[in-house]
Amino acid sequence: MGNFKIEFDTRKLEQAIKKQQQEVKRLAEKQARESKIQAEKNARIAVAKSIVEKQPVVGGIKMLDKNSEEVLKILLKMYTECKSYDIQASYDEIPEGYQNGLTQILDNLKQYGMIFRHIEFIGGEFEFSLSPQALTYFDDKEKALKAEQEKTVAQNINIQNLNATGSNINFGSIIDSTLTAQNIVSNLEKQIEEQGGEDRIKGFA
């Protein structure tokens, strides 16, 4: 029976093993980068939700935080120039004070419903899609604040130091109340009677 001799090219084998190890390492590093990116994204979304939840609602309008408002003004200016909801821009178009936190602010604006999406590119470029709600935000805010102010004035009526023939009656502040001449007189007469007075209020009889 003849002798069999098997020869291995150890150099090729080592190269194949090394290549396989490099591929495993590359995939592991890619997965680690993707996991890190996703974790950072989840953290920004959590921060955005927290910021938005803390903002007040006035007249049915959610008020934006100051940073989001300032950046939205810039984005709306870009919209005015190009008349498109989908906009590409550069970080250089954003004031320096907002550049480092731009991704977080864009996440905030997305949470507010002012933009639908945004993406940042290596090299200082980014793009975003405005929502129709963003175009009317500042007008809606102004109307809501004005209506709320008028409502507050109407609901907070301050009646102080009403005199009723020798009696001094202080009503203080009346909030969320509907006042008429009749119920004012009734309340005054009731307090005068409780104080033992017999006089009646002049000018209402």
N, C-alpha and C. Protein backbone atom coordinates (compact mmCIF):
# COMPACT_ATOMS: atom_id res chain seq x y z
N MET A 1 0.85 -1.18 0.00
CA MET A 1 0.00 0.00 0.00
C MET A 1 0.90 1.24 0.00
N GLY A 2 0.59 2.15 -0.93
CA GLY A 2 1.46 3.31 -1.07
C GLY A 2 1.28 4.31 0.08
N ASN A 3 2.26 5.16 0.25
CA ASN A 3 2.22 6.20 1.27
C ASN A 3 1.58 7.48 0.69
N PHE A 4 0.65 8.06 1.48
CA PHE A 4 0.00 9.33 1.08
C PHE A 4 0.63 10.48 1.86
N LYS A 5 0.89 11.56 1.18
CA LYS A 5 1.48 12.72 1.82
C LYS A 5 0.59 13.94 1.56
N ILE A 6 0.11 14.50 2.63
CA ILE A 6 -0.77 15.67 2.52
C ILE A 6 0.02 16.90 2.94
N GLU A 7 0.03 17.86 2.06
CA GLU A 7 0.77 19.06 2.35
C GLU A 7 -0.20 20.25 2.49
N PHE A 8 0.02 21.09 3.48
CA PHE A 8 -0.79 22.28 3.70
C PHE A 8 0.06 23.51 3.43
N ASP A 9 -0.59 24.47 2.78
CA ASP A 9 0.07 25.75 2.59
C ASP A 9 -0.26 26.59 3.83
N THR A 10 0.60 26.56 4.79
CA THR A 10 0.33 27.22 6.07
C THR A 10 0.16 28.72 5.91
N ARG A 11 0.81 29.31 4.96
CA ARG A 11 0.69 30.76 4.77
C ARG A 11 -0.72 31.13 4.34
N LYS A 12 -1.29 30.37 3.40
CA LYS A 12 -2.66 30.63 2.96
C LYS A 12 -3.65 30.40 4.08
N LEU A 13 -3.39 29.36 4.87
CA LEU A 13 -4.28 29.06 5.99
C LEU A 13 -4.26 30.20 7.01
N GLU A 14 -3.08 30.69 7.31
CA GLU A 14 -2.96 31.80 8.26
C GLU A 14 -3.66 33.06 7.74
N GLN A 15 -3.52 33.28 6.42
CA GLN A 15 -4.18 34.44 5.82
C GLN A 15 -5.70 34.33 5.90
N ALA A 16 -6.20 33.11 5.69
CA ALA A 16 -7.65 32.89 5.74
C ALA A 16 -8.18 33.11 7.16
N ILE A 17 -7.43 32.61 8.14
CA ILE A 17 -7.83 32.77 9.54
C ILE A 17 -7.79 34.25 9.93
N LYS A 18 -6.74 34.92 9.50
CA LYS A 18 -6.60 36.34 9.82
C LYS A 18 -7.73 37.15 9.20
N LYS A 19 -8.08 36.81 7.96
CA LYS A 19 -9.16 37.51 7.28
C LYS A 19 -10.49 37.29 8.00
N GLN A 20 -10.70 36.06 8.44
CA GLN A 20 -11.93 35.75 9.17
C GLN A 20 -12.00 36.51 10.49
N GLN A 21 -10.88 36.60 11.19
CA GLN A 21 -10.82 37.33 12.45
C GLN A 21 -11.09 38.82 12.24
N GLN A 22 -10.54 39.36 11.16
CA GLN A 22 -10.75 40.77 10.86
C GLN A 22 -12.22 41.06 10.55
N GLU A 23 -12.86 40.12 9.85
CA GLU A 23 -14.27 40.29 9.53
C GLU A 23 -15.14 40.23 10.79
N VAL A 24 -14.81 39.32 11.69
CA VAL A 24 -15.54 39.22 12.96
C VAL A 24 -15.38 40.51 13.76
N LYS A 25 -14.14 41.03 13.78
CA LYS A 25 -13.87 42.27 14.49
C LYS A 25 -14.62 43.44 13.88
N ARG A 26 -14.65 43.49 12.54
CA ARG A 26 -15.33 44.57 11.83
C ARG A 26 -16.83 44.56 12.15
N LEU A 27 -17.42 43.39 12.13
CA LEU A 27 -18.85 43.26 12.41
C LEU A 27 -19.17 43.64 13.86
N ALA A 28 -18.27 43.25 14.76
CA ALA A 28 -18.47 43.57 16.18
C ALA A 28 -18.40 45.08 16.40
N GLU A 29 -17.42 45.73 15.75
CA GLU A 29 -17.27 47.18 15.87
C GLU A 29 -18.46 47.91 15.26
N LYS A 30 -18.95 47.40 14.13
CA LYS A 30 -20.12 48.00 13.49
C LYS A 30 -21.34 47.90 14.39
N GLN A 31 -21.53 46.73 15.00
CA GLN A 31 -22.66 46.53 15.90
C GLN A 31 -22.55 47.44 17.12
N ALA A 32 -21.32 47.61 17.62
CA ALA A 32 -21.10 48.48 18.79
C ALA A 32 -21.43 49.93 18.44
N ARG A 33 -21.00 50.37 17.23
CA ARG A 33 -21.30 51.74 16.81
C ARG A 33 -22.81 51.96 16.67
N GLU A 34 -23.48 50.99 16.05
CA GLU A 34 -24.92 51.10 15.86
C GLU A 34 -25.67 51.10 17.19
N SER A 35 -25.20 50.28 18.11
CA SER A 35 -25.82 50.25 19.44
C SER A 35 -25.63 51.57 20.17
N LYS A 36 -24.43 52.15 20.03
CA LYS A 36 -24.15 53.44 20.66
C LYS A 36 -25.02 54.54 20.06
N ILE A 37 -25.14 54.54 18.73
CA ILE A 37 -25.96 55.55 18.05
C ILE A 37 -27.42 55.44 18.49
N GLN A 38 -27.92 54.21 18.58
CA GLN A 38 -29.30 53.99 18.98
C GLN A 38 -29.53 54.41 20.43
N ALA A 39 -28.55 54.11 21.29
CA ALA A 39 -28.66 54.49 22.71
C ALA A 39 -28.68 56.01 22.85
N GLU A 40 -27.84 56.70 22.08
CA GLU A 40 -27.81 58.17 22.12
C GLU A 40 -29.13 58.73 21.60
N LYS A 41 -29.67 58.12 20.55
CA LYS A 41 -30.95 58.56 20.00
C LYS A 41 -32.07 58.38 21.02
N ASN A 42 -32.09 57.22 21.68
CA ASN A 42 -33.12 56.96 22.69
C ASN A 42 -33.02 57.96 23.85
N ALA A 43 -31.78 58.31 24.22
CA ALA A 43 -31.58 59.27 25.30
C ALA A 43 -32.09 60.65 24.90
N ARG A 44 -31.84 61.05 23.65
CA ARG A 44 -32.32 62.35 23.18
C ARG A 44 -33.84 62.40 23.14
N ILE A 45 -34.44 61.30 22.71
CA ILE A 45 -35.91 61.24 22.66
C ILE A 45 -36.49 61.37 24.06
N ALA A 46 -35.85 60.70 25.03
CA ALA A 46 -36.32 60.78 26.42
C ALA A 46 -36.21 62.20 26.94
N VAL A 47 -35.11 62.87 26.62
CA VAL A 47 -34.92 64.26 27.04
C VAL A 47 -35.98 65.15 26.38
N ALA A 48 -36.22 64.93 25.09
CA ALA A 48 -37.20 65.73 24.35
C ALA A 48 -38.59 65.57 24.96
N LYS A 49 -38.97 64.35 25.28
CA LYS A 49 -40.29 64.10 25.90
C LYS A 49 -40.40 64.82 27.23
N SER A 50 -39.32 64.79 28.01
CA SER A 50 -39.32 65.44 29.32
C SER A 50 -39.49 66.95 29.17
N ILE A 51 -38.79 67.55 28.21
CA ILE A 51 -38.87 68.99 27.98
C ILE A 51 -40.27 69.39 27.54
N VAL A 52 -40.81 68.64 26.58
CA VAL A 52 -42.13 68.96 26.03
C VAL A 52 -43.22 68.82 27.09
N GLU A 53 -43.14 67.78 27.89
CA GLU A 53 -44.15 67.55 28.92
C GLU A 53 -44.20 68.67 29.95
N LYS A 54 -43.06 69.31 30.20
CA LYS A 54 -43.00 70.38 31.20
C LYS A 54 -43.53 71.71 30.69
N GLN A 55 -43.68 71.83 29.37
CA GLN A 55 -44.13 73.10 28.80
C GLN A 55 -45.64 73.26 28.97
N PRO A 56 -46.09 74.48 29.27
CA PRO A 56 -47.52 74.72 29.49
C PRO A 56 -48.32 74.71 28.19
N VAL A 57 -49.60 74.46 28.33
CA VAL A 57 -50.54 74.57 27.20
C VAL A 57 -51.40 75.80 27.45
N VAL A 58 -51.41 76.72 26.51
CA VAL A 58 -52.20 77.95 26.64
C VAL A 58 -53.17 78.03 25.48
N GLY A 59 -54.44 78.06 25.78
CA GLY A 59 -55.45 78.15 24.72
C GLY A 59 -55.37 77.02 23.73
N GLY A 60 -55.01 75.84 24.21
CA GLY A 60 -54.89 74.68 23.33
C GLY A 60 -53.59 74.60 22.56
N ILE A 61 -52.68 75.55 22.79
CA ILE A 61 -51.39 75.58 22.10
C ILE A 61 -50.27 75.21 23.07
N LYS A 62 -49.50 74.20 22.72
CA LYS A 62 -48.34 73.82 23.53
C LYS A 62 -47.23 74.85 23.29
N MET A 63 -46.80 75.50 24.37
CA MET A 63 -45.75 76.49 24.26
C MET A 63 -44.38 75.83 24.10
N LEU A 64 -43.60 76.27 23.15
CA LEU A 64 -42.26 75.74 22.95
C LEU A 64 -41.30 76.34 23.97
N ASP A 65 -40.26 75.56 24.32
CA ASP A 65 -39.20 76.11 25.16
C ASP A 65 -38.40 77.12 24.33
N LYS A 66 -37.64 77.97 25.01
CA LYS A 66 -36.95 79.09 24.35
C LYS A 66 -35.99 78.63 23.26
N ASN A 67 -35.17 77.61 23.53
CA ASN A 67 -34.22 77.14 22.53
C ASN A 67 -34.93 76.64 21.27
N SER A 68 -36.00 75.90 21.47
CA SER A 68 -36.76 75.37 20.33
C SER A 68 -37.39 76.50 19.52
N GLU A 69 -37.90 77.51 20.21
CA GLU A 69 -38.49 78.66 19.51
C GLU A 69 -37.47 79.39 18.66
N GLU A 70 -36.28 79.61 19.23
CA GLU A 70 -35.25 80.35 18.49
C GLU A 70 -34.81 79.59 17.24
N VAL A 71 -34.63 78.28 17.37
CA VAL A 71 -34.22 77.48 16.21
C VAL A 71 -35.36 77.40 15.20
N LEU A 72 -36.61 77.29 15.67
CA LEU A 72 -37.75 77.24 14.75
C LEU A 72 -37.82 78.52 13.91
N LYS A 73 -37.54 79.67 14.52
CA LYS A 73 -37.53 80.93 13.77
C LYS A 73 -36.55 80.85 12.60
N ILE A 74 -35.39 80.25 12.85
CA ILE A 74 -34.36 80.12 11.80
C ILE A 74 -34.84 79.17 10.71
N LEU A 75 -35.44 78.05 11.11
CA LEU A 75 -35.94 77.08 10.13
C LEU A 75 -37.06 77.68 9.28
N LEU A 76 -37.91 78.49 9.90
CA LEU A 76 -39.00 79.14 9.16
C LEU A 76 -38.45 80.16 8.17
N LYS A 77 -37.36 80.81 8.53
CA LYS A 77 -36.72 81.74 7.60
C LYS A 77 -36.19 80.99 6.38
N MET A 78 -35.63 79.80 6.62
CA MET A 78 -35.17 78.96 5.51
C MET A 78 -36.35 78.57 4.61
N TYR A 79 -37.48 78.25 5.24
CA TYR A 79 -38.68 77.89 4.47
C TYR A 79 -39.13 79.07 3.61
N THR A 80 -39.10 80.27 4.17
CA THR A 80 -39.52 81.46 3.43
C THR A 80 -38.67 81.66 2.19
N GLU A 81 -37.39 81.31 2.31
CA GLU A 81 -36.47 81.52 1.19
C GLU A 81 -36.62 80.48 0.09
N CYS A 82 -36.97 79.23 0.46
CA CYS A 82 -37.03 78.17 -0.55
C CYS A 82 -38.45 77.68 -0.84
N LYS A 83 -39.42 78.05 0.03
CA LYS A 83 -40.82 77.65 -0.15
C LYS A 83 -40.99 76.14 -0.29
N SER A 84 -40.27 75.40 0.54
CA SER A 84 -40.37 73.94 0.52
C SER A 84 -40.37 73.42 1.95
N TYR A 85 -41.18 72.41 2.19
CA TYR A 85 -41.21 71.81 3.53
C TYR A 85 -39.95 70.99 3.80
N ASP A 86 -39.37 70.42 2.73
CA ASP A 86 -38.15 69.62 2.85
C ASP A 86 -36.95 70.51 2.56
N ILE A 87 -36.10 70.67 3.55
CA ILE A 87 -35.02 71.66 3.45
C ILE A 87 -33.68 71.04 3.82
N GLN A 88 -32.66 71.36 3.02
CA GLN A 88 -31.28 71.01 3.34
C GLN A 88 -30.55 72.27 3.77
N ALA A 89 -29.75 72.15 4.80
CA ALA A 89 -29.09 73.33 5.34
C ALA A 89 -27.72 72.97 5.90
N SER A 90 -27.00 73.99 6.32
CA SER A 90 -25.67 73.82 6.90
C SER A 90 -25.67 74.30 8.34
N TYR A 91 -24.84 73.70 9.15
CA TYR A 91 -24.70 74.14 10.54
C TYR A 91 -24.27 75.60 10.61
N ASP A 92 -23.58 76.08 9.57
CA ASP A 92 -23.13 77.46 9.56
C ASP A 92 -24.29 78.45 9.54
N GLU A 93 -25.47 77.97 9.13
CA GLU A 93 -26.65 78.83 9.08
C GLU A 93 -27.33 78.94 10.45
N ILE A 94 -26.85 78.16 11.41
CA ILE A 94 -27.39 78.16 12.76
C ILE A 94 -26.45 78.95 13.66
N PRO A 95 -26.97 79.84 14.53
CA PRO A 95 -26.09 80.56 15.46
C PRO A 95 -25.21 79.62 16.26
N GLU A 96 -23.99 80.02 16.50
CA GLU A 96 -23.00 79.16 17.14
C GLU A 96 -23.49 78.58 18.46
N GLY A 97 -24.25 79.35 19.22
CA GLY A 97 -24.72 78.89 20.52
C GLY A 97 -25.65 77.70 20.46
N TYR A 98 -26.25 77.45 19.28
CA TYR A 98 -27.20 76.36 19.13
C TYR A 98 -26.63 75.18 18.34
N GLN A 99 -25.45 75.33 17.76
CA GLN A 99 -24.92 74.30 16.88
C GLN A 99 -24.64 72.98 17.60
N ASN A 100 -23.97 73.04 18.75
CA ASN A 100 -23.62 71.81 19.46
C ASN A 100 -24.85 71.04 19.93
N GLY A 101 -25.92 71.76 20.24
CA GLY A 101 -27.13 71.09 20.72
C GLY A 101 -28.21 70.98 19.67
N LEU A 102 -27.86 71.18 18.40
CA LEU A 102 -28.87 71.22 17.34
C LEU A 102 -29.64 69.91 17.22
N THR A 103 -28.95 68.78 17.29
CA THR A 103 -29.63 67.49 17.15
C THR A 103 -30.70 67.32 18.23
N GLN A 104 -30.36 67.70 19.47
CA GLN A 104 -31.34 67.60 20.55
C GLN A 104 -32.51 68.55 20.32
N ILE A 105 -32.22 69.76 19.87
CA ILE A 105 -33.29 70.73 19.63
C ILE A 105 -34.21 70.27 18.51
N LEU A 106 -33.63 69.67 17.47
CA LEU A 106 -34.46 69.14 16.39
C LEU A 106 -35.32 67.98 16.88
N ASP A 107 -34.79 67.18 17.80
CA ASP A 107 -35.60 66.12 18.41
C ASP A 107 -36.75 66.73 19.21
N ASN A 108 -36.46 67.84 19.91
CA ASN A 108 -37.50 68.54 20.66
C ASN A 108 -38.60 69.01 19.72
N LEU A 109 -38.20 69.64 18.62
CA LEU A 109 -39.17 70.16 17.66
C LEU A 109 -39.99 69.03 17.03
N LYS A 110 -39.37 67.90 16.85
CA LYS A 110 -40.11 66.74 16.33
C LYS A 110 -41.15 66.28 17.36
N GLN A 111 -40.76 66.28 18.62
CA GLN A 111 -41.67 65.89 19.69
C GLN A 111 -42.85 66.87 19.80
N TYR A 112 -42.58 68.14 19.53
CA TYR A 112 -43.63 69.17 19.54
C TYR A 112 -44.56 69.04 18.33
N GLY A 113 -44.11 68.32 17.31
CA GLY A 113 -44.89 68.22 16.08
C GLY A 113 -44.57 69.31 15.08
N MET A 114 -43.46 70.03 15.28
CA MET A 114 -43.08 71.11 14.38
C MET A 114 -42.33 70.60 13.14
N ILE A 115 -41.61 69.48 13.28
CA ILE A 115 -40.97 68.85 12.14
C ILE A 115 -41.31 67.36 12.14
N PHE A 116 -41.28 66.78 10.95
CA PHE A 116 -41.61 65.36 10.82
C PHE A 116 -40.38 64.47 10.96
N ARG A 117 -39.25 64.96 10.45
CA ARG A 117 -38.02 64.17 10.50
C ARG A 117 -36.83 65.10 10.39
N HIS A 118 -35.66 64.57 10.75
CA HIS A 118 -34.41 65.32 10.55
C HIS A 118 -33.28 64.32 10.52
N ILE A 119 -32.22 64.69 9.83
CA ILE A 119 -31.04 63.83 9.76
C ILE A 119 -29.81 64.73 9.63
N GLU A 120 -28.73 64.35 10.31
CA GLU A 120 -27.50 65.12 10.28
C GLU A 120 -26.43 64.31 9.54
N PHE A 121 -25.63 65.00 8.75
CA PHE A 121 -24.59 64.34 7.96
C PHE A 121 -23.21 64.77 8.44
N ILE A 122 -22.24 63.89 8.21
CA ILE A 122 -20.84 64.24 8.49
C ILE A 122 -20.43 65.35 7.54
N GLY A 123 -19.81 66.37 8.10
CA GLY A 123 -19.40 67.49 7.26
C GLY A 123 -20.17 68.76 7.55
N GLY A 124 -21.12 68.68 8.50
CA GLY A 124 -21.83 69.90 8.90
C GLY A 124 -23.09 70.20 8.14
N GLU A 125 -23.66 69.22 7.45
CA GLU A 125 -24.91 69.42 6.74
C GLU A 125 -26.04 68.69 7.48
N PHE A 126 -27.26 69.18 7.31
CA PHE A 126 -28.42 68.48 7.85
C PHE A 126 -29.64 68.79 7.01
N GLU A 127 -30.67 67.98 7.13
CA GLU A 127 -31.91 68.23 6.43
C GLU A 127 -33.08 67.93 7.36
N PHE A 128 -34.23 68.53 7.06
CA PHE A 128 -35.40 68.36 7.91
C PHE A 128 -36.66 68.60 7.09
N SER A 129 -37.78 68.14 7.63
CA SER A 129 -39.08 68.36 7.00
C SER A 129 -39.99 69.09 7.99
N LEU A 130 -40.39 70.30 7.63
CA LEU A 130 -41.29 71.08 8.47
C LEU A 130 -42.71 70.55 8.38
N SER A 131 -43.47 70.73 9.44
CA SER A 131 -44.90 70.40 9.41
C SER A 131 -45.69 71.68 9.17
N PRO A 132 -46.90 71.60 8.63
CA PRO A 132 -47.73 72.80 8.44
C PRO A 132 -47.98 73.52 9.77
N GLN A 133 -48.03 72.77 10.86
CA GLN A 133 -48.24 73.36 12.18
C GLN A 133 -47.14 74.35 12.53
N ALA A 134 -45.93 74.07 12.06
CA ALA A 134 -44.80 74.96 12.36
C ALA A 134 -44.99 76.33 11.73
N LEU A 135 -45.61 76.38 10.56
CA LEU A 135 -45.77 77.64 9.84
C LEU A 135 -46.68 78.61 10.57
N THR A 136 -47.61 78.09 11.35
CA THR A 136 -48.58 78.95 12.03
C THR A 136 -48.32 79.05 13.53
N TYR A 137 -47.24 78.44 14.03
CA TYR A 137 -47.03 78.38 15.48
C TYR A 137 -47.02 79.76 16.13
N PHE A 138 -46.25 80.69 15.62
CA PHE A 138 -46.08 81.97 16.30
C PHE A 138 -47.37 82.80 16.25
N ASP A 139 -48.12 82.71 15.14
CA ASP A 139 -49.43 83.37 15.09
C ASP A 139 -50.40 82.72 16.07
N ASP A 140 -50.39 81.39 16.11
CA ASP A 140 -51.27 80.66 17.02
C ASP A 140 -50.92 80.99 18.47
N LYS A 141 -49.63 81.09 18.75
CA LYS A 141 -49.19 81.41 20.11
C LYS A 141 -49.67 82.80 20.52
N GLU A 142 -49.50 83.77 19.63
CA GLU A 142 -49.90 85.15 19.95
C GLU A 142 -51.41 85.23 20.22
N LYS A 143 -52.19 84.56 19.39
CA LYS A 143 -53.65 84.57 19.58
C LYS A 143 -54.03 83.89 20.90
N ALA A 144 -53.36 82.76 21.20
CA ALA A 144 -53.67 82.02 22.43
C ALA A 144 -53.34 82.85 23.67
N LEU A 145 -52.19 83.52 23.65
CA LEU A 145 -51.79 84.34 24.80
C LEU A 145 -52.72 85.53 24.99
N LYS A 146 -53.15 86.12 23.87
CA LYS A 146 -54.06 87.26 23.96
C LYS A 146 -55.41 86.82 24.52
N ALA A 147 -55.91 85.68 24.03
CA ALA A 147 -57.19 85.17 24.52
C ALA A 147 -57.11 84.80 25.99
N GLU A 148 -55.97 84.23 26.40
CA GLU A 148 -55.80 83.85 27.80
C GLU A 148 -55.74 85.08 28.69
N GLN A 149 -55.10 86.13 28.21
CA GLN A 149 -55.01 87.37 28.97
C GLN A 149 -56.40 87.99 29.16
N GLU A 150 -57.18 88.00 28.09
CA GLU A 150 -58.54 88.54 28.17
C GLU A 150 -59.40 87.71 29.13
N LYS A 151 -59.20 86.40 29.08
CA LYS A 151 -59.95 85.51 29.97
C LYS A 151 -59.58 85.76 31.42
N THR A 152 -58.28 85.96 31.67
CA THR A 152 -57.81 86.20 33.03
C THR A 152 -58.37 87.51 33.58
N VAL A 153 -58.38 88.54 32.74
CA VAL A 153 -58.92 89.83 33.17
C VAL A 153 -60.40 89.71 33.51
N ALA A 154 -61.14 88.94 32.70
CA ALA A 154 -62.57 88.79 32.92
C ALA A 154 -62.88 87.98 34.16
N GLN A 155 -62.01 87.03 34.49
CA GLN A 155 -62.28 86.12 35.60
C GLN A 155 -61.77 86.62 36.94
N ASN A 156 -60.84 87.55 36.90
CA ASN A 156 -60.29 88.08 38.15
C ASN A 156 -60.82 89.48 38.38
N ILE A 157 -61.84 89.58 39.20
CA ILE A 157 -62.47 90.86 39.49
C ILE A 157 -62.19 91.20 40.94
N ASN A 158 -61.63 92.33 41.16
CA ASN A 158 -61.24 92.72 42.50
C ASN A 158 -62.15 93.83 43.01
N ILE A 159 -62.90 93.52 44.04
CA ILE A 159 -63.79 94.51 44.65
C ILE A 159 -63.29 94.78 46.05
N GLN A 160 -62.94 95.99 46.32
CA GLN A 160 -62.36 96.30 47.62
C GLN A 160 -63.07 97.50 48.25
N ASN A 161 -63.18 97.38 49.59
CA ASN A 161 -63.66 98.50 50.40
C ASN A 161 -64.94 99.14 49.87
N LEU A 162 -66.00 98.33 49.81
CA LEU A 162 -67.31 98.86 49.46
C LEU A 162 -67.98 99.37 50.73
N ASN A 163 -68.46 100.61 50.73
CA ASN A 163 -69.09 101.21 51.91
C ASN A 163 -70.61 101.11 51.81
N ALA A 164 -71.24 100.80 52.93
CA ALA A 164 -72.70 100.73 52.98
C ALA A 164 -73.17 101.43 54.24
N THR A 165 -73.30 102.75 54.17
CA THR A 165 -73.83 103.58 55.25
C THR A 165 -73.27 103.20 56.61
N GLY A 166 -72.04 103.53 56.81
CA GLY A 166 -71.43 103.27 58.11
C GLY A 166 -70.77 101.92 58.24
N SER A 167 -70.93 101.05 57.24
CA SER A 167 -70.31 99.73 57.29
C SER A 167 -69.24 99.63 56.22
N ASN A 168 -68.15 98.97 56.53
CA ASN A 168 -67.05 98.78 55.59
C ASN A 168 -66.93 97.29 55.28
N ILE A 169 -67.21 96.92 54.03
CA ILE A 169 -67.23 95.51 53.64
C ILE A 169 -66.19 95.27 52.56
N ASN A 170 -65.29 94.31 52.79
CA ASN A 170 -64.22 94.00 51.85
C ASN A 170 -64.49 92.63 51.23
N PHE A 171 -64.75 92.62 49.93
CA PHE A 171 -65.02 91.35 49.24
C PHE A 171 -63.74 90.63 48.82
N GLY A 172 -62.61 91.35 48.72
CA GLY A 172 -61.36 90.73 48.26
C GLY A 172 -61.44 90.42 46.78
N SER A 173 -60.81 89.30 46.37
CA SER A 173 -60.78 88.91 44.95
C SER A 173 -61.81 87.84 44.68
N ILE A 174 -62.55 88.01 43.60
CA ILE A 174 -63.55 87.03 43.21
C ILE A 174 -63.09 86.43 41.90
N ILE A 175 -62.81 85.12 41.90
CA ILE A 175 -62.24 84.46 40.73
C ILE A 175 -63.26 83.48 40.16
N ASP A 176 -63.34 83.43 38.83
CA ASP A 176 -64.26 82.52 38.14
C ASP A 176 -65.69 82.73 38.60
N SER A 177 -66.11 83.97 38.82
CA SER A 177 -67.46 84.26 39.29
C SER A 177 -68.18 85.14 38.29
N THR A 178 -69.49 84.98 38.24
CA THR A 178 -70.32 85.85 37.42
C THR A 178 -71.02 86.83 38.33
N LEU A 179 -70.73 88.12 38.19
CA LEU A 179 -71.28 89.14 39.07
C LEU A 179 -72.35 89.94 38.37
N THR A 180 -73.43 90.19 39.06
CA THR A 180 -74.47 91.08 38.57
C THR A 180 -74.79 92.06 39.68
N ALA A 181 -75.48 93.14 39.33
CA ALA A 181 -75.85 94.12 40.36
C ALA A 181 -76.71 93.45 41.42
N GLN A 182 -77.57 92.54 40.99
CA GLN A 182 -78.49 91.89 41.94
C GLN A 182 -77.75 91.05 42.97
N ASN A 183 -76.81 90.18 42.51
CA ASN A 183 -76.16 89.31 43.51
C ASN A 183 -75.15 90.08 44.35
N ILE A 184 -74.60 91.21 43.81
CA ILE A 184 -73.74 92.04 44.65
C ILE A 184 -74.55 92.64 45.79
N VAL A 185 -75.73 93.18 45.45
CA VAL A 185 -76.60 93.77 46.47
C VAL A 185 -77.02 92.72 47.49
N SER A 186 -77.38 91.54 47.02
CA SER A 186 -77.81 90.47 47.93
C SER A 186 -76.72 90.11 48.91
N ASN A 187 -75.47 89.99 48.38
CA ASN A 187 -74.35 89.65 49.26
C ASN A 187 -74.08 90.75 50.29
N LEU A 188 -74.16 92.01 49.84
CA LEU A 188 -73.94 93.12 50.76
C LEU A 188 -75.00 93.17 51.85
N GLU A 189 -76.29 93.03 51.44
CA GLU A 189 -77.38 93.07 52.41
C GLU A 189 -77.26 91.95 53.43
N LYS A 190 -76.83 90.78 52.95
CA LYS A 190 -76.69 89.64 53.86
C LYS A 190 -75.63 89.92 54.91
N GLN A 191 -74.49 90.48 54.47
CA GLN A 191 -73.42 90.77 55.42
C GLN A 191 -73.82 91.87 56.40
N ILE A 192 -74.57 92.89 55.91
CA ILE A 192 -75.01 93.97 56.80
C ILE A 192 -75.95 93.43 57.87
N GLU A 193 -76.88 92.54 57.45
CA GLU A 193 -77.81 91.97 58.41
C GLU A 193 -77.09 91.11 59.43
N GLU A 194 -76.09 90.36 58.98
CA GLU A 194 -75.33 89.51 59.91
C GLU A 194 -74.57 90.35 60.92
N GLN A 195 -74.20 91.58 60.51
CA GLN A 195 -73.47 92.47 61.41
C GLN A 195 -74.41 93.31 62.28
N GLY A 196 -75.73 93.10 62.13
CA GLY A 196 -76.71 93.78 62.97
C GLY A 196 -77.10 95.14 62.45
N GLY A 197 -76.73 95.49 61.23
CA GLY A 197 -77.06 96.79 60.69
C GLY A 197 -78.45 96.82 60.10
N GLU A 198 -79.05 98.00 60.07
CA GLU A 198 -80.38 98.14 59.51
C GLU A 198 -80.37 98.99 58.25
N ASP A 199 -79.20 99.57 57.99
CA ASP A 199 -79.11 100.42 56.79
C ASP A 199 -79.10 99.57 55.53
N ARG A 200 -79.48 100.19 54.45
CA ARG A 200 -79.45 99.51 53.16
C ARG A 200 -78.49 100.24 52.24
N ILE A 201 -78.08 99.56 51.21
CA ILE A 201 -77.05 100.09 50.31
C ILE A 201 -77.66 101.16 49.43
N LYS A 202 -77.02 102.28 49.40
CA LYS A 202 -77.51 103.37 48.56
C LYS A 202 -77.07 103.13 47.11
N GLY A 203 -77.91 103.56 46.21
CA GLY A 203 -77.55 103.49 44.81
C GLY A 203 -77.99 102.22 44.12
N PHE A 204 -78.43 101.19 44.87
CA PHE A 204 -78.84 99.96 44.25
C PHE A 204 -80.35 99.74 44.38
N ALA A 205 -81.01 100.58 45.20
CA ALA A 205 -82.43 100.39 45.43
C ALA A 205 -83.22 100.81 44.20
